[in-house]
C-alpha cells in the first residue's frame, strides 16, 4: 500500500514488544500525528520501511534479536541522566540498533552520532483551551510523596518552610491534597512553584509547560539554560531555596499583570512542546525527513 508520508507510531508507556513483536496490533499503538486509515487488523509486520516506531527505553529493547518490523525504530530517552543513567550507558553500546536516539542529554548527544536533540516537554492539561483561567488565588505548589531526587526533596523542604512562615501557598498533589485534574492546581493561581526533579541542561518537563498553558507564572527551579527555550520574563527563575523564597515574597497582583505579555508568548512556545508538535520539525510530516532521514 502506498502512503504519501511516513506513519509514526509510539509504543505506549510500560508496554513492551513481547516475544513475537510482529504480531502486535497497530491499533494498540499511539499515533501522535493522527491515526492513519485502514490499520485495523494490521500489525507491526505491516509497517513499511519508511514508517517510524518510537519507544521508551527498557533493558530488553537493547538485547532482543528483532523488533518484528521493517519500520525505523527510534528510542526516546526523555528522563534526565540521574534517572536513566543505565539506559544511556546501554545506548552508547547499542545505538546502531536504532534509527535515532531522541534525547535532551548533552553528553549523549555528544557521544552518539545518531542522536537528536528532543526536549521532554509534553503536557498533562490536554483541555487547557476550555479551562477557566480566572485567577482568584496567589500561588500553588504541586508535590507528590516522592523524596528520591533533589527536586523532590526541595519541594518538601519548601512546603515545610511555607507552613512554618505562613506563606500564601496552596500545597496540592498526591503527597498533600490530591486533585482530579492537574489544571485545578494551576489555572486558579497567578503563580505556581514549579520544581523539576533534577537540574540538567536542556531538561524541562510538563511541570513547566502546564503552568504556562494555564496562564500561571512559574516560580521555576530546573533547566539551567531555560532561557534558550522561553522568555524568562514569563517566569521567576531560581537556582536554590533562597531564590524561591525571595520570589514567593515578591509575588503580587501587579507583578503578575506585568508578566502577562511575556507569559502569553511563552504559552505559545509551550504549545509547540507537545509530542505532536515536536515531531513535526523532525520531519515526520513529509516524505523527506530531516533529521530522521528517509
C-alpha atoms as a PDB file:
ATOM      1  CA  UNK A   1       0.000   0.000   0.000  1.00  0.00           C
ATOM      2  CA  UNK A   2       1.400   3.409  -0.961  1.00  0.00           C
ATOM      3  CA  UNK A   3       1.405   6.181   1.653  1.00  0.00           C
ATOM      4  CA  UNK A   4       2.028   9.870   0.986  1.00  0.00           C
ATOM      5  CA  UNK A   5       4.057  10.280   4.161  1.00  0.00           C
ATOM      6  CA  UNK A   6       5.698   8.140   6.826  1.00  0.00           C
ATOM      7  CA  UNK A   7       3.425   6.748   9.508  1.00  0.00           C
ATOM      8  CA  UNK A   8       4.588   7.497  13.050  1.00  0.00           C
ATOM      9  CA  UNK A   9       3.568   5.333  15.997  1.00  0.00           C
ATOM     10  CA  UNK A  10       4.631   5.200  19.627  1.00  0.00           C
ATOM     11  CA  UNK A  11       4.721   2.118  21.841  1.00  0.00           C
ATOM     12  CA  UNK A  12       2.597   3.031  24.907  1.00  0.00           C
ATOM     13  CA  UNK A  13       4.227   3.639  28.275  1.00  0.00           C
ATOM     14  CA  UNK A  14       5.023   0.408  30.140  1.00  0.00           C
ATOM     15  CA  UNK A  15       4.112  -1.738  27.108  1.00  0.00           C
ATOM     16  CA  UNK A  16       6.818  -3.971  25.665  1.00  0.00           C
ATOM     17  CA  UNK A  17       7.155  -5.550  22.237  1.00  0.00           C
ATOM     18  CA  UNK A  18       6.685  -9.061  23.612  1.00  0.00           C
ATOM     19  CA  UNK A  19       8.017 -12.427  22.459  1.00  0.00           C
ATOM     20  CA  UNK A  20       6.635 -12.070  18.926  1.00  0.00           C
ATOM     21  CA  UNK A  21       6.579  -8.317  18.237  1.00  0.00           C
ATOM     22  CA  UNK A  22       5.486  -8.733  14.635  1.00  0.00           C
ATOM     23  CA  UNK A  23       2.008  -9.713  15.926  1.00  0.00           C
ATOM     24  CA  UNK A  24       1.469  -6.514  17.944  1.00  0.00           C
ATOM     25  CA  UNK A  25      -1.688  -4.824  16.585  1.00  0.00           C
ATOM     26  CA  UNK A  26      -1.196  -1.333  15.197  1.00  0.00           C
ATOM     27  CA  UNK A  27      -4.428  -0.360  16.930  1.00  0.00           C
ATOM     28  CA  UNK A  28      -2.644  -0.844  20.287  1.00  0.00           C
ATOM     29  CA  UNK A  29      -0.129   1.905  19.495  1.00  0.00           C
ATOM     30  CA  UNK A  30      -0.300   5.675  19.934  1.00  0.00           C
ATOM     31  CA  UNK A  31      -0.394   7.801  16.768  1.00  0.00           C
ATOM     32  CA  UNK A  32       0.769  11.341  17.683  1.00  0.00           C
ATOM     33  CA  UNK A  33       0.289  12.715  14.165  1.00  0.00           C
ATOM     34  CA  UNK A  34      -3.113  11.092  13.742  1.00  0.00           C
ATOM     35  CA  UNK A  35      -4.303   7.534  13.216  1.00  0.00           C
ATOM     36  CA  UNK A  36      -3.717   6.537   9.575  1.00  0.00           C
ATOM     37  CA  UNK A  37      -6.518   4.874   7.630  1.00  0.00           C
ATOM     38  CA  UNK A  38      -7.078   1.134   7.381  1.00  0.00           C
ATOM     39  CA  UNK A  39      -4.863  -0.051  10.240  1.00  0.00           C
ATOM     40  CA  UNK A  40      -7.497  -2.372  11.720  1.00  0.00           C
ATOM     41  CA  UNK A  41      -6.226  -5.919  11.510  1.00  0.00           C
ATOM     42  CA  UNK A  42      -2.674  -4.772  10.772  1.00  0.00           C
ATOM     43  CA  UNK A  43       0.339  -5.459  12.973  1.00  0.00           C
ATOM     44  CA  UNK A  44       3.929  -4.250  13.320  1.00  0.00           C
ATOM     45  CA  UNK A  45       4.833  -6.563  10.467  1.00  0.00           C
ATOM     46  CA  UNK A  46       2.711  -4.406   8.144  1.00  0.00           C
ATOM     47  CA  UNK A  47       4.648  -1.199   8.760  1.00  0.00           C
ATOM     48  CA  UNK A  48       6.729  -0.036   5.807  1.00  0.00           C
ATOM     49  CA  UNK A  49      10.460   0.762   5.771  1.00  0.00           C
ATOM     50  CA  UNK A  50       9.545   4.456   5.564  1.00  0.00           C
ATOM     51  CA  UNK A  51       7.427   4.293   8.744  1.00  0.00           C
ATOM     52  CA  UNK A  52       8.643   5.047  12.270  1.00  0.00           C
ATOM     53  CA  UNK A  53       8.176   3.241  15.566  1.00  0.00           C
ATOM     54  CA  UNK A  54       9.157   5.209  18.669  1.00  0.00           C
ATOM     55  CA  UNK A  55       9.604   3.569  22.047  1.00  0.00           C
ATOM     56  CA  UNK A  56      10.786   4.408  25.544  1.00  0.00           C
ATOM     57  CA  UNK A  57      13.851   2.515  26.793  1.00  0.00           C
ATOM     58  CA  UNK A  58      13.848  -0.733  28.699  1.00  0.00           C
ATOM     59  CA  UNK A  59      16.592  -3.320  29.103  1.00  0.00           C
ATOM     60  CA  UNK A  60      15.164  -5.983  26.770  1.00  0.00           C
ATOM     61  CA  UNK A  61      14.902  -3.418  23.966  1.00  0.00           C
ATOM     62  CA  UNK A  62      18.691  -3.356  23.637  1.00  0.00           C
ATOM     63  CA  UNK A  63      19.141  -7.125  23.698  1.00  0.00           C
ATOM     64  CA  UNK A  64      16.227  -8.544  21.720  1.00  0.00           C
ATOM     65  CA  UNK A  65      17.132 -10.261  18.382  1.00  0.00           C
ATOM     66  CA  UNK A  66      14.456  -8.448  16.350  1.00  0.00           C
ATOM     67  CA  UNK A  67      11.909  -5.635  16.538  1.00  0.00           C
ATOM     68  CA  UNK A  68       9.468  -7.548  14.347  1.00  0.00           C
ATOM     69  CA  UNK A  69       9.009  -4.697  11.894  1.00  0.00           C
ATOM     70  CA  UNK A  70      10.537  -3.147   8.785  1.00  0.00           C
ATOM     71  CA  UNK A  71       9.869   0.319  10.203  1.00  0.00           C
ATOM     72  CA  UNK A  72      12.620   2.508  11.539  1.00  0.00           C
ATOM     73  CA  UNK A  73      12.826   2.097  15.298  1.00  0.00           C
ATOM     74  CA  UNK A  74      13.927   5.038  17.429  1.00  0.00           C
ATOM     75  CA  UNK A  75      14.244   5.192  21.200  1.00  0.00           C
ATOM     76  CA  UNK A  76      13.170   8.211  23.279  1.00  0.00           C
ATOM     77  CA  UNK A  77      15.359   8.738  26.356  1.00  0.00           C
ATOM     78  CA  UNK A  78      13.386  11.572  27.906  1.00  0.00           C
ATOM     79  CA  UNK A  79      14.235  11.312  31.595  1.00  0.00           C
ATOM     80  CA  UNK A  80      17.347  13.022  32.989  1.00  0.00           C
ATOM     81  CA  UNK A  81      20.662  11.246  33.466  1.00  0.00           C
ATOM     82  CA  UNK A  82      20.012  10.962  37.202  1.00  0.00           C
ATOM     83  CA  UNK A  83      17.112   8.618  36.407  1.00  0.00           C
ATOM     84  CA  UNK A  84      18.066   6.945  33.111  1.00  0.00           C
ATOM     85  CA  UNK A  85      21.824   6.624  33.538  1.00  0.00           C
ATOM     86  CA  UNK A  86      21.829   2.874  32.836  1.00  0.00           C
ATOM     87  CA  UNK A  87      19.816   3.268  29.628  1.00  0.00           C
ATOM     88  CA  UNK A  88      22.226   5.945  28.457  1.00  0.00           C
ATOM     89  CA  UNK A  89      25.119   3.558  29.061  1.00  0.00           C
ATOM     90  CA  UNK A  90      23.341   0.844  27.063  1.00  0.00           C
ATOM     91  CA  UNK A  91      22.598   3.349  24.308  1.00  0.00           C
ATOM     92  CA  UNK A  92      26.294   4.160  24.000  1.00  0.00           C
ATOM     93  CA  UNK A  93      26.945   0.474  23.353  1.00  0.00           C
ATOM     94  CA  UNK A  94      23.952  -0.385  21.140  1.00  0.00           C
ATOM     95  CA  UNK A  95      22.960   2.891  19.446  1.00  0.00           C
ATOM     96  CA  UNK A  96      23.461   1.360  15.970  1.00  0.00           C
ATOM     97  CA  UNK A  97      20.406  -0.830  16.592  1.00  0.00           C
ATOM     98  CA  UNK A  98      18.207   2.256  16.358  1.00  0.00           C
ATOM     99  CA  UNK A  99      17.387   4.720  13.647  1.00  0.00           C
ATOM    100  CA  UNK A 100      17.581   7.701  16.008  1.00  0.00           C
ATOM    101  CA  UNK A 101      18.126   8.350  19.710  1.00  0.00           C
ATOM    102  CA  UNK A 102      15.809  11.139  20.884  1.00  0.00           C
ATOM    103  CA  UNK A 103      17.190  12.856  23.984  1.00  0.00           C
ATOM    104  CA  UNK A 104      17.974  16.170  25.632  1.00  0.00           C
ATOM    105  CA  UNK A 105      21.056  14.813  27.418  1.00  0.00           C
ATOM    106  CA  UNK A 106      24.073  16.842  26.293  1.00  0.00           C
ATOM    107  CA  UNK A 107      26.611  14.070  26.913  1.00  0.00           C
ATOM    108  CA  UNK A 108      24.615  11.507  24.963  1.00  0.00           C
ATOM    109  CA  UNK A 109      24.174  13.990  22.123  1.00  0.00           C
ATOM    110  CA  UNK A 110      27.940  14.478  22.001  1.00  0.00           C
ATOM    111  CA  UNK A 111      28.774  10.763  22.151  1.00  0.00           C
ATOM    112  CA  UNK A 112      26.139   9.127  19.943  1.00  0.00           C
ATOM    113  CA  UNK A 113      26.215  10.022  16.225  1.00  0.00           C
ATOM    114  CA  UNK A 114      22.562   9.171  15.509  1.00  0.00           C
ATOM    115  CA  UNK A 115      21.188  11.133  18.469  1.00  0.00           C
ATOM    116  CA  UNK A 116      18.770  14.057  18.004  1.00  0.00           C
ATOM    117  CA  UNK A 117      18.025  16.828  20.477  1.00  0.00           C
ATOM    118  CA  UNK A 118      14.494  16.222  21.728  1.00  0.00           C
ATOM    119  CA  UNK A 119      13.313  18.016  24.893  1.00  0.00           C
ATOM    120  CA  UNK A 120      10.894  16.270  27.221  1.00  0.00           C
ATOM    121  CA  UNK A 121       8.143  18.905  27.041  1.00  0.00           C
ATOM    122  CA  UNK A 122       4.641  17.455  26.922  1.00  0.00           C
ATOM    123  CA  UNK A 123       1.505  18.379  28.865  1.00  0.00           C
ATOM    124  CA  UNK A 124      -0.898  16.907  31.390  1.00  0.00           C
ATOM    125  CA  UNK A 125      -3.593  19.536  30.793  1.00  0.00           C
ATOM    126  CA  UNK A 126      -4.938  18.499  27.376  1.00  0.00           C
ATOM    127  CA  UNK A 127      -8.145  20.552  27.739  1.00  0.00           C
ATOM    128  CA  UNK A 128      -6.371  23.780  28.640  1.00  0.00           C
ATOM    129  CA  UNK A 129      -8.153  25.797  25.933  1.00  0.00           C
ATOM    130  CA  UNK A 130     -11.542  25.039  27.552  1.00  0.00           C
ATOM    131  CA  UNK A 131     -10.307  25.621  31.109  1.00  0.00           C
ATOM    132  CA  UNK A 132     -11.439  28.643  33.152  1.00  0.00           C
ATOM    133  CA  UNK A 133      -8.249  30.655  33.776  1.00  0.00           C
ATOM    134  CA  UNK A 134      -9.829  33.173  36.171  1.00  0.00           C
ATOM    135  CA  UNK A 135      -7.255  33.947  38.858  1.00  0.00           C
ATOM    136  CA  UNK A 136      -8.637  34.038  42.394  1.00  0.00           C
ATOM    137  CA  UNK A 137      -5.646  32.726  44.373  1.00  0.00           C
ATOM    138  CA  UNK A 138      -1.991  33.713  44.572  1.00  0.00           C
ATOM    139  CA  UNK A 139       0.223  30.616  44.431  1.00  0.00           C
ATOM    140  CA  UNK A 140       0.221  26.823  44.322  1.00  0.00           C
ATOM    141  CA  UNK A 141       2.845  24.149  44.791  1.00  0.00           C
ATOM    142  CA  UNK A 142       2.228  20.654  43.398  1.00  0.00           C
ATOM    143  CA  UNK A 143       4.153  17.818  45.030  1.00  0.00           C
ATOM    144  CA  UNK A 144       3.991  14.053  45.278  1.00  0.00           C
ATOM    145  CA  UNK A 145       5.239  11.983  48.209  1.00  0.00           C
ATOM    146  CA  UNK A 146       8.493  11.076  46.408  1.00  0.00           C
ATOM    147  CA  UNK A 147      11.791  12.014  48.065  1.00  0.00           C
ATOM    148  CA  UNK A 148      14.492  10.387  45.908  1.00  0.00           C
ATOM    149  CA  UNK A 149      15.680  13.197  43.610  1.00  0.00           C
ATOM    150  CA  UNK A 150      16.992  16.608  44.605  1.00  0.00           C
ATOM    151  CA  UNK A 151      13.865  18.296  43.256  1.00  0.00           C
ATOM    152  CA  UNK A 152      11.619  16.007  45.309  1.00  0.00           C
ATOM    153  CA  UNK A 153      13.475  16.980  48.482  1.00  0.00           C
ATOM    154  CA  UNK A 154      13.407  20.669  47.612  1.00  0.00           C
ATOM    155  CA  UNK A 155       9.618  20.596  47.233  1.00  0.00           C
ATOM    156  CA  UNK A 156       9.132  19.062  50.674  1.00  0.00           C
ATOM    157  CA  UNK A 157      11.591  21.489  52.280  1.00  0.00           C
ATOM    158  CA  UNK A 158       9.691  24.355  50.676  1.00  0.00           C
ATOM    159  CA  UNK A 159       6.349  23.037  51.918  1.00  0.00           C
ATOM    160  CA  UNK A 160       7.713  22.875  55.454  1.00  0.00           C
ATOM    161  CA  UNK A 161       9.096  26.454  55.217  1.00  0.00           C
ATOM    162  CA  UNK A 162       5.833  27.703  53.726  1.00  0.00           C
ATOM    163  CA  UNK A 163       3.770  26.268  56.562  1.00  0.00           C
ATOM    164  CA  UNK A 164       6.151  27.441  59.262  1.00  0.00           C
ATOM    165  CA  UNK A 165       6.201  31.010  57.921  1.00  0.00           C
ATOM    166  CA  UNK A 166       2.541  31.277  56.839  1.00  0.00           C
ATOM    167  CA  UNK A 167       3.107  31.864  53.127  1.00  0.00           C
ATOM    168  CA  UNK A 168       0.133  32.319  50.778  1.00  0.00           C
ATOM    169  CA  UNK A 169       0.659  28.978  49.005  1.00  0.00           C
ATOM    170  CA  UNK A 170      -1.830  26.183  48.373  1.00  0.00           C
ATOM    171  CA  UNK A 171       0.058  22.886  48.550  1.00  0.00           C
ATOM    172  CA  UNK A 172      -1.515  20.257  46.312  1.00  0.00           C
ATOM    173  CA  UNK A 173      -0.760  16.901  44.699  1.00  0.00           C
ATOM    174  CA  UNK A 174      -0.635  13.237  45.694  1.00  0.00           C
ATOM    175  CA  UNK A 175       1.683  13.921  48.607  1.00  0.00           C
ATOM    176  CA  UNK A 176      -0.637  16.524  50.142  1.00  0.00           C
ATOM    177  CA  UNK A 177      -4.065  17.454  48.727  1.00  0.00           C
ATOM    178  CA  UNK A 178      -4.934  15.340  45.647  1.00  0.00           C
ATOM    179  CA  UNK A 179      -6.919  16.795  42.759  1.00  0.00           C
ATOM    180  CA  UNK A 180      -8.922  15.241  39.912  1.00  0.00           C
ATOM    181  CA  UNK A 181      -7.383  17.370  37.146  1.00  0.00           C
ATOM    182  CA  UNK A 182      -3.958  18.940  37.146  1.00  0.00           C
ATOM    183  CA  UNK A 183      -5.434  22.218  35.892  1.00  0.00           C
ATOM    184  CA  UNK A 184      -7.111  22.558  39.313  1.00  0.00           C
ATOM    185  CA  UNK A 185      -3.672  23.094  40.799  1.00  0.00           C
ATOM    186  CA  UNK A 186      -2.670  25.713  38.225  1.00  0.00           C
ATOM    187  CA  UNK A 187      -5.486  27.584  36.460  1.00  0.00           C
ATOM    188  CA  UNK A 188      -6.917  29.468  39.503  1.00  0.00           C
ATOM    189  CA  UNK A 189      -3.455  30.672  40.576  1.00  0.00           C
ATOM    190  CA  UNK A 190      -1.360  33.636  39.463  1.00  0.00           C
ATOM    191  CA  UNK A 191       1.845  31.797  40.358  1.00  0.00           C
ATOM    192  CA  UNK A 192       2.927  28.215  40.880  1.00  0.00           C
ATOM    193  CA  UNK A 193       6.198  26.932  42.320  1.00  0.00           C
ATOM    194  CA  UNK A 194       7.486  24.632  39.582  1.00  0.00           C
ATOM    195  CA  UNK A 195      10.370  22.385  40.623  1.00  0.00           C
ATOM    196  CA  UNK A 196      11.775  19.797  38.216  1.00  0.00           C
ATOM    197  CA  UNK A 197      13.008  16.509  39.666  1.00  0.00           C
ATOM    198  CA  UNK A 198      16.602  17.432  38.753  1.00  0.00           C
ATOM    199  CA  UNK A 199      18.564  20.322  37.231  1.00  0.00           C
ATOM    200  CA  UNK A 200      20.086  19.290  33.899  1.00  0.00           C
ATOM    201  CA  UNK A 201      20.873  21.187  30.691  1.00  0.00           C
ATOM    202  CA  UNK A 202      18.024  21.006  28.173  1.00  0.00           C
ATOM    203  CA  UNK A 203      15.726  19.101  30.561  1.00  0.00           C
ATOM    204  CA  UNK A 204      12.327  20.638  31.215  1.00  0.00           C
ATOM    205  CA  UNK A 205       9.004  18.862  31.522  1.00  0.00           C
ATOM    206  CA  UNK A 206       5.239  19.194  31.559  1.00  0.00           C
ATOM    207  CA  UNK A 207       5.634  20.770  35.007  1.00  0.00           C
ATOM    208  CA  UNK A 208       6.728  23.995  33.314  1.00  0.00           C
ATOM    209  CA  UNK A 209       4.620  23.635  30.160  1.00  0.00           C
ATOM    210  CA  UNK A 210       1.396  23.090  32.102  1.00  0.00           C
ATOM    211  CA  UNK A 211       1.872  26.252  34.167  1.00  0.00           C
ATOM    212  CA  UNK A 212       2.409  28.293  31.001  1.00  0.00           C
ATOM    213  CA  UNK A 213      -0.657  26.774  29.321  1.00  0.00           C
ATOM    214  CA  UNK A 214      -2.721  27.749  32.370  1.00  0.00           C
ATOM    215  CA  UNK A 215      -1.519  31.402  32.261  1.00  0.00           C
ATOM    216  CA  UNK A 216       0.269  30.827  35.557  1.00  0.00           C
ATOM    217  CA  UNK A 217       3.686  32.397  36.227  1.00  0.00           C
ATOM    218  CA  UNK A 218       6.161  29.635  37.142  1.00  0.00           C
ATOM    219  CA  UNK A 219       8.488  30.229  40.068  1.00  0.00           C
ATOM    220  CA  UNK A 220      10.921  27.926  38.366  1.00  0.00           C
ATOM    221  CA  UNK A 221      13.761  25.688  39.530  1.00  0.00           C
ATOM    222  CA  UNK A 222      15.134  23.306  36.931  1.00  0.00           C
ATOM    223  CA  UNK A 223      16.713  23.533  33.486  1.00  0.00           C
ATOM    224  CA  UNK A 224      19.765  25.845  33.875  1.00  0.00           C
ATOM    225  CA  UNK A 225      19.518  27.034  30.243  1.00  0.00           C
ATOM    226  CA  UNK A 226      15.744  27.519  30.189  1.00  0.00           C
ATOM    227  CA  UNK A 227      16.331  30.946  28.594  1.00  0.00           C
ATOM    228  CA  UNK A 228      17.347  29.081  25.411  1.00  0.00           C
ATOM    229  CA  UNK A 229      13.720  27.929  25.078  1.00  0.00           C
ATOM    230  CA  UNK A 230      11.470  30.521  26.750  1.00  0.00           C
ATOM    231  CA  UNK A 231      11.399  34.218  27.519  1.00  0.00           C
ATOM    232  CA  UNK A 232      12.296  34.222  31.205  1.00  0.00           C
ATOM    233  CA  UNK A 233      10.259  37.395  31.755  1.00  0.00           C
ATOM    234  CA  UNK A 234       7.324  34.967  31.853  1.00  0.00           C
ATOM    235  CA  UNK A 235       8.711  33.251  34.955  1.00  0.00           C
ATOM    236  CA  UNK A 236      10.766  33.791  38.078  1.00  0.00           C
ATOM    237  CA  UNK A 237      13.910  31.684  37.569  1.00  0.00           C
ATOM    238  CA  UNK A 238      15.509  30.334  40.722  1.00  0.00           C
ATOM    239  CA  UNK A 239      18.718  28.445  41.430  1.00  0.00           C
ATOM    240  CA  UNK A 240      18.210  27.455  45.058  1.00  0.00           C
ATOM    241  CA  UNK A 241      15.879  27.508  48.048  1.00  0.00           C
ATOM    242  CA  UNK A 242      16.769  31.101  48.897  1.00  0.00           C
ATOM    243  CA  UNK A 243      15.860  32.265  45.389  1.00  0.00           C
ATOM    244  CA  UNK A 244      12.476  30.518  45.594  1.00  0.00           C
ATOM    245  CA  UNK A 245      11.753  32.054  48.989  1.00  0.00           C
ATOM    246  CA  UNK A 246      12.636  35.506  47.649  1.00  0.00           C
ATOM    247  CA  UNK A 247      10.389  35.026  44.601  1.00  0.00           C
ATOM    248  CA  UNK A 248       7.471  33.972  46.793  1.00  0.00           C
ATOM    249  CA  UNK A 249       7.875  37.056  48.956  1.00  0.00           C
ATOM    250  CA  UNK A 250       7.845  39.259  45.813  1.00  0.00           C
ATOM    251  CA  UNK A 251       4.587  37.872  44.383  1.00  0.00           C
ATOM    252  CA  UNK A 252       1.865  40.452  43.753  1.00  0.00           C
ATOM    253  CA  UNK A 253      -1.100  41.118  41.505  1.00  0.00           C
ATOM    254  CA  UNK A 254       0.772  43.975  39.802  1.00  0.00           C
ATOM    255  CA  UNK A 255       3.827  41.821  39.148  1.00  0.00           C
ATOM    256  CA  UNK A 256       1.608  39.126  37.665  1.00  0.00           C
ATOM    257  CA  UNK A 257      -0.092  41.620  35.323  1.00  0.00           C
ATOM    258  CA  UNK A 258       3.284  42.991  34.201  1.00  0.00           C
ATOM    259  CA  UNK A 259       4.343  39.495  33.107  1.00  0.00           C
ATOM    260  CA  UNK A 260       1.240  38.724  31.043  1.00  0.00           C
ATOM    261  CA  UNK A 261       2.657  39.742  27.612  1.00  0.00           C
ATOM    262  CA  UNK A 262       5.694  37.501  28.091  1.00  0.00           C
ATOM    263  CA  UNK A 263       3.502  34.785  29.623  1.00  0.00           C
ATOM    264  CA  UNK A 264       1.208  34.751  26.583  1.00  0.00           C
ATOM    265  CA  UNK A 265       4.207  34.455  24.242  1.00  0.00           C
ATOM    266  CA  UNK A 266       5.715  31.671  26.361  1.00  0.00           C
ATOM    267  CA  UNK A 267       2.384  29.817  26.315  1.00  0.00           C
ATOM    268  CA  UNK A 268       2.528  29.733  22.513  1.00  0.00           C
ATOM    269  CA  UNK A 269       6.022  28.265  22.719  1.00  0.00           C
ATOM    270  CA  UNK A 270       4.725  25.759  25.264  1.00  0.00           C
ATOM    271  CA  UNK A 271       2.078  24.553  22.810  1.00  0.00           C
ATOM    272  CA  UNK A 272       4.893  23.666  20.407  1.00  0.00           C
ATOM    273  CA  UNK A 273       6.452  21.423  23.057  1.00  0.00           C
ATOM    274  CA  UNK A 274       3.695  18.810  22.862  1.00  0.00           C
ATOM    275  CA  UNK A 275       4.790  15.493  21.376  1.00  0.00           C
ATOM    276  CA  UNK A 276       2.854  16.028  18.139  1.00  0.00           C
ATOM    277  CA  UNK A 277       4.314  19.462  17.527  1.00  0.00           C
ATOM    278  CA  UNK A 278       7.845  18.381  18.423  1.00  0.00           C
ATOM    279  CA  UNK A 279       7.734  15.588  15.876  1.00  0.00           C
ATOM    280  CA  UNK A 280       6.898  17.973  13.046  1.00  0.00           C
ATOM    281  CA  UNK A 281      10.252  19.831  12.900  1.00  0.00           C
ATOM    282  CA  UNK A 282      11.973  16.443  12.949  1.00  0.00           C
ATOM    283  CA  UNK A 283      10.475  15.736   9.551  1.00  0.00           C
ATOM    284  CA  UNK A 284       7.721  13.228  10.269  1.00  0.00           C
ATOM    285  CA  UNK A 285       5.195  15.227   8.235  1.00  0.00           C
ATOM    286  CA  UNK A 286       6.972  14.956   4.927  1.00  0.00           C
ATOM    287  CA  UNK A 287       8.469  12.409   2.594  1.00  0.00           C
ATOM    288  CA  UNK A 288      11.923  13.862   3.278  1.00  0.00           C
ATOM    289  CA  UNK A 289      12.616  13.528   6.973  1.00  0.00           C
ATOM    290  CA  UNK A 290      15.485  15.501   8.445  1.00  0.00           C
ATOM    291  CA  UNK A 291      16.993  14.818  10.887  1.00  0.00           C
ATOM    292  CA  UNK A 292      15.236  11.434  10.914  1.00  0.00           C
ATOM    293  CA  UNK A 293      16.034  10.810   7.265  1.00  0.00           C
ATOM    294  CA  UNK A 294      14.372   8.705   4.591  1.00  0.00           C
END
